[in-house]
Every structure is written in structure tokens, then in C-alpha cells.
């Protein structure tokens, strides 16, 4: 996914920062797990969360919406 195709750079970075701050605690806690599988699952879940938040911001800022 390319940032410039969705949002201007500053909005893209802002959306990422907000998504990370708002991510469910269980995702963030498991990122520091000693278990590799838990860390991978938490990273995947976090990435999905961030992606969905960026899409939500991108569609809400789209012209005509």
C-alpha cells in the first residue's frame, strides 16, 4: 500500500500514530511477548488494525463523502 495513493504524507503519518495509540491493549502487550508465535500474531493483528484505521481516515477525507 503506498501512502501517496491514499492520503497526503502528513495525514498518513497522523493516521498511523492515532491507530497505534488506539490499538487494543492486547495487541500492544503481546508485541513484547517472549513467545515468537504470539508476537507474530500481535504484529499481524496490529497491522490489520492500522490498515483499517487508515482506510477509514482515507474514505472520510475523500471528496464528496
Protein backbone atom coordinates (compact mmCIF):
# COMPACT_ATOMS: atom_id res chain seq x y z
CA UNK A 1 0.00 0.00 0.00
CA UNK A 2 1.51 3.32 -0.99
CA UNK A 3 0.90 6.30 1.23
CA UNK A 4 0.74 8.85 -1.57
CA UNK A 5 -2.09 7.00 -3.26
CA UNK A 6 -4.31 7.19 -0.17
CA UNK A 7 -3.52 10.33 1.83
CA UNK A 8 -1.03 13.17 1.82
CA UNK A 9 2.07 12.25 3.84
CA UNK A 10 1.19 14.26 6.95
CA UNK A 11 -2.30 12.76 7.16
CA UNK A 12 -0.93 9.28 6.52
CA UNK A 13 1.56 9.58 9.38
CA UNK A 14 -1.06 11.09 11.65
CA UNK A 15 -3.45 8.21 10.89
CA UNK A 16 -0.73 5.68 11.74
CA UNK A 17 0.12 7.41 15.03
CA UNK A 18 -3.51 7.60 16.09
CA UNK A 19 -4.16 3.98 15.09
CA UNK A 20 -1.20 2.80 17.16
CA UNK A 21 -2.39 4.81 20.17
CA UNK A 22 -5.93 3.46 19.83
CA UNK A 23 -4.94 -0.15 19.15
CA UNK A 24 -6.41 -2.63 21.61
CA UNK A 25 -4.11 -3.20 24.59
CA UNK A 26 -3.90 -6.95 23.93
CA UNK A 27 -2.21 -6.28 20.57
CA UNK A 28 0.38 -3.97 22.12
CA UNK A 29 1.06 -6.19 25.13
CA UNK A 30 1.61 -9.29 23.01
CA UNK A 31 4.15 -7.46 20.83
CA UNK A 32 6.59 -7.79 23.74
CA UNK A 33 5.81 -11.46 24.42
CA UNK A 34 8.68 -13.93 24.73
CA UNK A 35 6.70 -16.32 22.52
CA UNK A 36 7.52 -15.85 18.81
CA UNK A 37 4.10 -17.04 17.70
CA UNK A 38 2.30 -14.57 19.99
CA UNK A 39 4.49 -11.71 18.74
CA UNK A 40 3.77 -12.60 15.10
CA UNK A 41 0.04 -12.81 15.75
CA UNK A 42 0.10 -9.49 17.62
CA UNK A 43 2.07 -7.85 14.80
CA UNK A 44 -0.40 -9.17 12.24
CA UNK A 45 -3.38 -8.00 14.30
CA UNK A 46 -1.78 -4.59 14.82
CA UNK A 47 -1.08 -4.23 11.11
CA UNK A 48 -4.69 -5.08 10.31
CA UNK A 49 -5.91 -2.57 12.88
CA UNK A 50 -3.67 0.18 11.48
CA UNK A 51 -4.68 -0.64 7.89
CA UNK A 52 -8.38 -0.43 8.74
CA UNK A 53 -7.93 2.91 10.53
CA UNK A 54 -6.00 4.37 7.58
CA UNK A 55 -8.73 3.25 5.20
CA UNK A 56 -11.37 4.80 7.46
CA UNK A 57 -9.50 8.12 7.50
CA UNK A 58 -8.88 7.98 3.75
CA UNK A 59 -12.54 7.40 2.93
CA UNK A 60 -13.78 10.03 5.38
CA UNK A 61 -11.47 12.64 3.84
CA UNK A 62 -12.35 11.73 0.27
CA UNK A 63 -14.01 14.47 -1.77
CA UNK A 64 -17.78 14.12 -1.95
CA UNK A 65 -18.08 11.99 1.20
